Amino acid sequence: MRLTALLLSGATAAALTLTAGMAAAQPDPNAGGKPAAAKAKTPAKTAKKPAVKTPPPPPPLPEADEEQLAAAKRAYLGQYDCEFKQSINIQPNAKHAGYIDVAYKKDTFTMKPVLSSTGALRLEDITGRTLMVQIANKSMLLDVKAGQRLVDDCIHPEQRAAIEAARASSAPAGEGLGIAPSQQ
């Protein structure tokens, strides 16, 4: 009997050791952890898609004054051929007198014409993003926010005619530098 009692106590000790090992492998329910099987049953959370942002409505445009109306009349309207086979189209704004729409690629910018002190015509985007400068021999569209040119060497047919007229009227190249020596 004593042998049986010893054997039973050894079996009981082995069973207790096995039970303790299994308990150590399981997370403590008081610790807040969940068993692996419980985690698998939880449905995966889906990420919310951000709402599509619509651009804000354009700001209300103030009435054009006389200077702005005069500047708008000086703008070359129509198609411009630009570098790298790009183009710009400039038209008067259909809703607001004295404003100009500049179409480049898929964007259309509403611009306010302003005459500069140098004689260049500035078309200033009402949102402050872009600026178009028209000078005698070319025009360029600038991204003011990024500080770079969007497109350069844009030439309207009237600008092209002015360039050709200037070339035709210039004196033919002769000998020397074209400087007449002073005669004393």
C-alpha atoms as a PDB file:
ATOM      1  CA  MET A   1       0.000   0.000   0.000  1.00  0.00           C
ATOM      2  CA  ARG A   2       2.719   2.310   0.741  1.00  0.00           C
ATOM      3  CA  LEU A   3       4.084   1.758  -2.701  1.00  0.00           C
ATOM      4  CA  THR A   4       0.685   2.499  -4.195  1.00  0.00           C
ATOM      5  CA  ALA A   5       0.441   5.684  -2.160  1.00  0.00           C
ATOM      6  CA  LEU A   6       3.881   6.742  -3.317  1.00  0.00           C
ATOM      7  CA  LEU A   7       3.023   5.993  -6.917  1.00  0.00           C
ATOM      8  CA  LEU A   8      -0.226   7.924  -6.624  1.00  0.00           C
ATOM      9  CA  SER A   9       1.531  10.842  -5.042  1.00  0.00           C
ATOM     10  CA  GLY A  10       4.112  10.815  -7.890  1.00  0.00           C
ATOM     11  CA  ALA A  11       1.333  10.734 -10.496  1.00  0.00           C
ATOM     12  CA  THR A  12      -0.455  13.528  -8.698  1.00  0.00           C
ATOM     13  CA  ALA A  13       2.724  15.592  -8.668  1.00  0.00           C
ATOM     14  CA  ALA A  14       3.210  15.027 -12.421  1.00  0.00           C
ATOM     15  CA  ALA A  15      -0.389  15.997 -13.088  1.00  0.00           C
ATOM     16  CA  LEU A  16       0.018  19.110 -11.000  1.00  0.00           C
ATOM     17  CA  THR A  17       3.208  20.029 -12.880  1.00  0.00           C
ATOM     18  CA  LEU A  18       1.464  19.521 -16.233  1.00  0.00           C
ATOM     19  CA  THR A  19      -1.509  21.642 -15.136  1.00  0.00           C
ATOM     20  CA  ALA A  20       0.796  24.418 -13.919  1.00  0.00           C
ATOM     21  CA  GLY A  21       2.643  24.442 -17.253  1.00  0.00           C
ATOM     22  CA  MET A  22      -0.618  24.783 -19.187  1.00  0.00           C
ATOM     23  CA  ALA A  23      -1.786  27.588 -16.943  1.00  0.00           C
ATOM     24  CA  ALA A  24       1.447  29.471 -17.557  1.00  0.00           C
ATOM     25  CA  ALA A  25       0.885  29.254 -21.315  1.00  0.00           C
ATOM     26  CA  GLN A  26      -2.608  30.770 -21.011  1.00  0.00           C
ATOM     27  CA  PRO A  27      -2.870  34.557 -20.437  1.00  0.00           C
ATOM     28  CA  ASP A  28      -4.115  35.713 -17.107  1.00  0.00           C
ATOM     29  CA  PRO A  29      -7.798  36.729 -17.423  1.00  0.00           C
ATOM     30  CA  ASN A  30      -7.239  39.428 -14.795  1.00  0.00           C
ATOM     31  CA  ALA A  31      -4.336  40.913 -16.782  1.00  0.00           C
ATOM     32  CA  GLY A  32      -6.600  42.150 -19.592  1.00  0.00           C
ATOM     33  CA  GLY A  33      -5.081  39.984 -22.334  1.00  0.00           C
ATOM     34  CA  LYS A  34      -7.241  37.773 -24.507  1.00  0.00           C
ATOM     35  CA  PRO A  35      -6.422  34.274 -25.689  1.00  0.00           C
ATOM     36  CA  ALA A  36      -5.369  33.944 -29.313  1.00  0.00           C
ATOM     37  CA  ALA A  37      -8.637  32.242 -30.245  1.00  0.00           C
ATOM     38  CA  ALA A  38     -10.655  35.213 -28.946  1.00  0.00           C
ATOM     39  CA  LYS A  39      -8.584  37.652 -31.014  1.00  0.00           C
ATOM     40  CA  ALA A  40      -9.278  35.752 -34.226  1.00  0.00           C
ATOM     41  CA  LYS A  41     -13.046  36.012 -33.693  1.00  0.00           C
ATOM     42  CA  THR A  42     -12.958  39.816 -33.462  1.00  0.00           C
ATOM     43  CA  PRO A  43     -13.926  41.382 -36.832  1.00  0.00           C
ATOM     44  CA  ALA A  44     -11.204  43.437 -38.484  1.00  0.00           C
ATOM     45  CA  LYS A  45     -11.747  47.167 -38.249  1.00  0.00           C
ATOM     46  CA  THR A  46     -12.114  48.854 -41.617  1.00  0.00           C
ATOM     47  CA  ALA A  47     -10.322  52.125 -42.130  1.00  0.00           C
ATOM     48  CA  LYS A  48     -12.613  55.033 -42.868  1.00  0.00           C
ATOM     49  CA  LYS A  49     -12.061  56.557 -46.272  1.00  0.00           C
ATOM     50  CA  PRO A  50     -11.462  60.303 -46.197  1.00  0.00           C
ATOM     51  CA  ALA A  51     -14.279  62.355 -47.607  1.00  0.00           C
ATOM     52  CA  VAL A  52     -13.674  63.810 -51.048  1.00  0.00           C
ATOM     53  CA  LYS A  53     -12.814  67.461 -50.598  1.00  0.00           C
ATOM     54  CA  THR A  54     -14.558  69.821 -52.944  1.00  0.00           C
ATOM     55  CA  PRO A  55     -12.687  73.017 -53.724  1.00  0.00           C
ATOM     56  CA  PRO A  56     -14.004  76.079 -51.963  1.00  0.00           C
ATOM     57  CA  PRO A  57     -16.130  78.415 -54.037  1.00  0.00           C
ATOM     58  CA  PRO A  58     -14.177  81.238 -55.655  1.00  0.00           C
ATOM     59  CA  PRO A  59     -14.079  84.442 -53.657  1.00  0.00           C
ATOM     60  CA  PRO A  60     -16.509  87.156 -54.687  1.00  0.00           C
ATOM     61  CA  LEU A  61     -14.904  89.428 -57.246  1.00  0.00           C
ATOM     62  CA  PRO A  62     -14.945  93.178 -56.698  1.00  0.00           C
ATOM     63  CA  GLU A  63     -16.122  95.369 -59.548  1.00  0.00           C
ATOM     64  CA  ALA A  64     -13.351  96.277 -61.969  1.00  0.00           C
ATOM     65  CA  ASP A  65     -12.269  99.920 -61.852  1.00  0.00           C
ATOM     66  CA  GLU A  66     -11.243 102.010 -64.868  1.00  0.00           C
ATOM     67  CA  GLU A  67      -7.572 101.023 -64.657  1.00  0.00           C
ATOM     68  CA  GLN A  68      -8.444  97.335 -64.587  1.00  0.00           C
ATOM     69  CA  LEU A  69     -10.849  97.675 -67.527  1.00  0.00           C
ATOM     70  CA  ALA A  70      -8.135  99.490 -69.531  1.00  0.00           C
ATOM     71  CA  ALA A  71      -5.604  96.778 -68.659  1.00  0.00           C
ATOM     72  CA  ALA A  72      -8.056  94.051 -69.716  1.00  0.00           C
ATOM     73  CA  LYS A  73      -8.350  95.686 -73.151  1.00  0.00           C
ATOM     74  CA  ARG A  74      -4.557  95.462 -73.591  1.00  0.00           C
ATOM     75  CA  ALA A  75      -4.424  91.704 -72.963  1.00  0.00           C
ATOM     76  CA  TYR A  76      -3.814  89.517 -76.004  1.00  0.00           C
ATOM     77  CA  LEU A  77      -6.811  87.189 -76.189  1.00  0.00           C
ATOM     78  CA  GLY A  78      -6.811  83.809 -77.866  1.00  0.00           C
ATOM     79  CA  GLN A  79      -4.402  80.927 -78.309  1.00  0.00           C
ATOM     80  CA  TYR A  80      -0.696  81.155 -77.366  1.00  0.00           C
ATOM     81  CA  ASP A  81       1.920  78.697 -78.580  1.00  0.00           C
ATOM     82  CA  CYS A  82       4.415  77.899 -75.829  1.00  0.00           C
ATOM     83  CA  GLU A  83       7.612  75.937 -75.328  1.00  0.00           C
ATOM     84  CA  PHE A  84       7.538  72.127 -75.440  1.00  0.00           C
ATOM     85  CA  LYS A  85       4.427  72.161 -77.678  1.00  0.00           C
ATOM     86  CA  GLN A  86       2.230  73.460 -74.862  1.00  0.00           C
ATOM     87  CA  SER A  87      -0.442  76.114 -75.214  1.00  0.00           C
ATOM     88  CA  ILE A  88      -2.447  78.632 -73.234  1.00  0.00           C
ATOM     89  CA  ASN A  89      -5.825  80.076 -74.108  1.00  0.00           C
ATOM     90  CA  ILE A  90      -6.882  83.470 -72.761  1.00  0.00           C
ATOM     91  CA  GLN A  91     -10.466  84.700 -72.907  1.00  0.00           C
ATOM     92  CA  PRO A  92     -12.469  87.406 -71.129  1.00  0.00           C
ATOM     93  CA  ASN A  93     -14.333  86.130 -68.076  1.00  0.00           C
ATOM     94  CA  ALA A  94     -17.952  85.563 -69.072  1.00  0.00           C
ATOM     95  CA  LYS A  95     -19.414  86.624 -65.710  1.00  0.00           C
ATOM     96  CA  HIS A  96     -17.207  89.540 -64.635  1.00  0.00           C
ATOM     97  CA  ALA A  97     -16.188  92.458 -66.861  1.00  0.00           C
ATOM     98  CA  GLY A  98     -12.528  93.375 -66.521  1.00  0.00           C
ATOM     99  CA  TYR A  99     -11.380  89.848 -65.557  1.00  0.00           C
ATOM    100  CA  ILE A 100      -9.594  87.321 -67.770  1.00  0.00           C
ATOM    101  CA  ASP A 101      -9.676  83.499 -67.779  1.00  0.00           C
ATOM    102  CA  VAL A 102      -6.374  81.746 -68.495  1.00  0.00           C
ATOM    103  CA  ALA A 103      -6.720  78.074 -69.486  1.00  0.00           C
ATOM    104  CA  TYR A 104      -3.607  75.918 -69.128  1.00  0.00           C
ATOM    105  CA  LYS A 105      -3.797  72.123 -69.324  1.00  0.00           C
ATOM    106  CA  LYS A 106      -6.861  71.162 -67.250  1.00  0.00           C
ATOM    107  CA  ASP A 107      -6.901  74.316 -65.103  1.00  0.00           C
ATOM    108  CA  THR A 108      -8.619  77.635 -65.713  1.00  0.00           C
ATOM    109  CA  PHE A 109      -7.472  80.588 -63.645  1.00  0.00           C
ATOM    110  CA  THR A 110      -9.509  83.761 -63.246  1.00  0.00           C
ATOM    111  CA  MET A 111      -7.088  86.676 -63.439  1.00  0.00           C
ATOM    112  CA  LYS A 112      -7.169  90.369 -62.668  1.00  0.00           C
ATOM    113  CA  PRO A 113      -5.242  92.426 -65.268  1.00  0.00           C
ATOM    114  CA  VAL A 114      -2.826  95.008 -63.848  1.00  0.00           C
ATOM    115  CA  LEU A 115      -0.521  97.330 -65.812  1.00  0.00           C
ATOM    116  CA  SER A 116       2.950  97.507 -64.294  1.00  0.00           C
ATOM    117  CA  SER A 117       5.198 100.533 -64.231  1.00  0.00           C
ATOM    118  CA  THR A 118       7.503  98.823 -66.754  1.00  0.00           C
ATOM    119  CA  GLY A 119       4.747  98.479 -69.339  1.00  0.00           C
ATOM    120  CA  ALA A 120       4.306  94.744 -68.838  1.00  0.00           C
ATOM    121  CA  LEU A 121       0.791  93.441 -68.346  1.00  0.00           C
ATOM    122  CA  ARG A 122       0.362  91.288 -65.256  1.00  0.00           C
ATOM    123  CA  LEU A 123      -2.549  88.892 -65.013  1.00  0.00           C
ATOM    124  CA  GLU A 124      -2.847  88.130 -61.297  1.00  0.00           C
ATOM    125  CA  ASP A 125      -4.765  85.038 -60.205  1.00  0.00           C
ATOM    126  CA  ILE A 126      -7.562  86.016 -57.812  1.00  0.00           C
ATOM    127  CA  THR A 127      -6.620  83.063 -55.566  1.00  0.00           C
ATOM    128  CA  GLY A 128      -2.952  84.116 -55.468  1.00  0.00           C
ATOM    129  CA  ARG A 129      -1.695  80.843 -56.954  1.00  0.00           C
ATOM    130  CA  THR A 130      -0.517  81.913 -60.408  1.00  0.00           C
ATOM    131  CA  LEU A 131       0.650  84.958 -62.327  1.00  0.00           C
ATOM    132  CA  MET A 132       0.867  85.521 -66.067  1.00  0.00           C
ATOM    133  CA  VAL A 133       3.217  88.186 -67.390  1.00  0.00           C
ATOM    134  CA  GLN A 134       2.846  89.567 -70.929  1.00  0.00           C
ATOM    135  CA  ILE A 135       5.754  91.528 -72.352  1.00  0.00           C
ATOM    136  CA  ALA A 136       6.344  92.683 -75.924  1.00  0.00           C
ATOM    137  CA  ASN A 137       7.965  89.511 -77.240  1.00  0.00           C
ATOM    138  CA  LYS A 138       6.578  86.702 -75.041  1.00  0.00           C
ATOM    139  CA  SER A 139       4.389  85.701 -72.128  1.00  0.00           C
ATOM    140  CA  MET A 140       4.924  83.284 -69.258  1.00  0.00           C
ATOM    141  CA  LEU A 141       2.761  81.621 -66.634  1.00  0.00           C
ATOM    142  CA  LEU A 142       4.242  81.370 -63.142  1.00  0.00           C
ATOM    143  CA  ASP A 143       3.229  79.356 -60.080  1.00  0.00           C
ATOM    144  CA  VAL A 144       3.675  81.952 -57.361  1.00  0.00           C
ATOM    145  CA  LYS A 145       3.226  79.499 -54.476  1.00  0.00           C
ATOM    146  CA  ALA A 146       5.908  77.081 -55.758  1.00  0.00           C
ATOM    147  CA  GLY A 147       8.114  79.881 -57.083  1.00  0.00           C
ATOM    148  CA  GLN A 148       8.588  78.402 -60.550  1.00  0.00           C
ATOM    149  CA  ARG A 149       7.450  78.810 -64.139  1.00  0.00           C
ATOM    150  CA  LEU A 150       4.627  76.594 -65.303  1.00  0.00           C
ATOM    151  CA  VAL A 151       5.214  77.426 -68.949  1.00  0.00           C
ATOM    152  CA  ASP A 152       7.455  79.908 -70.765  1.00  0.00           C
ATOM    153  CA  ASP A 153       8.001  81.335 -74.244  1.00  0.00           C
ATOM    154  CA  CYS A 154       4.283  81.673 -74.917  1.00  0.00           C
ATOM    155  CA  ILE A 155       3.740  83.766 -78.038  1.00  0.00           C
ATOM    156  CA  HIS A 156       0.449  85.171 -79.256  1.00  0.00           C
ATOM    157  CA  PRO A 157       0.117  85.866 -83.008  1.00  0.00           C
ATOM    158  CA  GLU A 158       0.237  89.643 -82.295  1.00  0.00           C
ATOM    159  CA  GLN A 159       3.461  89.202 -80.322  1.00  0.00           C
ATOM    160  CA  ARG A 160       4.910  87.155 -83.198  1.00  0.00           C
ATOM    161  CA  ALA A 161       4.005  89.950 -85.639  1.00  0.00           C
ATOM    162  CA  ALA A 162       5.708  92.510 -83.377  1.00  0.00           C
ATOM    163  CA  ILE A 163       8.853  90.357 -83.233  1.00  0.00           C
ATOM    164  CA  GLU A 164       8.950  90.046 -87.020  1.00  0.00           C
ATOM    165  CA  ALA A 165       8.389  93.796 -87.471  1.00  0.00           C
ATOM    166  CA  ALA A 166      11.255  94.557 -85.079  1.00  0.00           C
ATOM    167  CA  ARG A 167      13.554  92.217 -87.004  1.00  0.00           C
ATOM    168  CA  ALA A 168      12.589  93.752 -90.339  1.00  0.00           C
ATOM    169  CA  SER A 169      13.144  97.322 -89.171  1.00  0.00           C
ATOM    170  CA  SER A 170      16.524  96.703 -87.606  1.00  0.00           C
ATOM    171  CA  ALA A 171      19.516  97.916 -89.602  1.00  0.00           C
ATOM    172  CA  PRO A 172      21.249  95.275 -91.638  1.00  0.00           C
ATOM    173  CA  ALA A 173      24.437  94.021 -90.134  1.00  0.00           C
ATOM    174  CA  GLY A 174      27.437  95.759 -91.606  1.00  0.00           C
ATOM    175  CA  GLU A 175      31.088  95.850 -90.888  1.00  0.00           C
ATOM    176  CA  GLY A 176      32.197  96.485 -87.364  1.00  0.00           C
ATOM    177  CA  LEU A 177      30.126  96.795 -84.277  1.00  0.00           C
ATOM    178  CA  GLY A 178      27.708  99.335 -85.624  1.00  0.00           C
ATOM    179  CA  ILE A 179      29.265 102.173 -83.641  1.00  0.00           C
ATOM    180  CA  ALA A 180      30.169 105.216 -85.669  1.00  0.00           C
ATOM    181  CA  PRO A 181      33.499 106.663 -84.628  1.00  0.00           C
ATOM    182  CA  SER A 182      33.262 110.214 -83.430  1.00  0.00           C
ATOM    183  CA  GLN A 183      34.587 112.657 -85.928  1.00  0.00           C
ATOM    184  CA  GLN A 184      36.517 115.445 -84.379  1.00  0.00           C
END
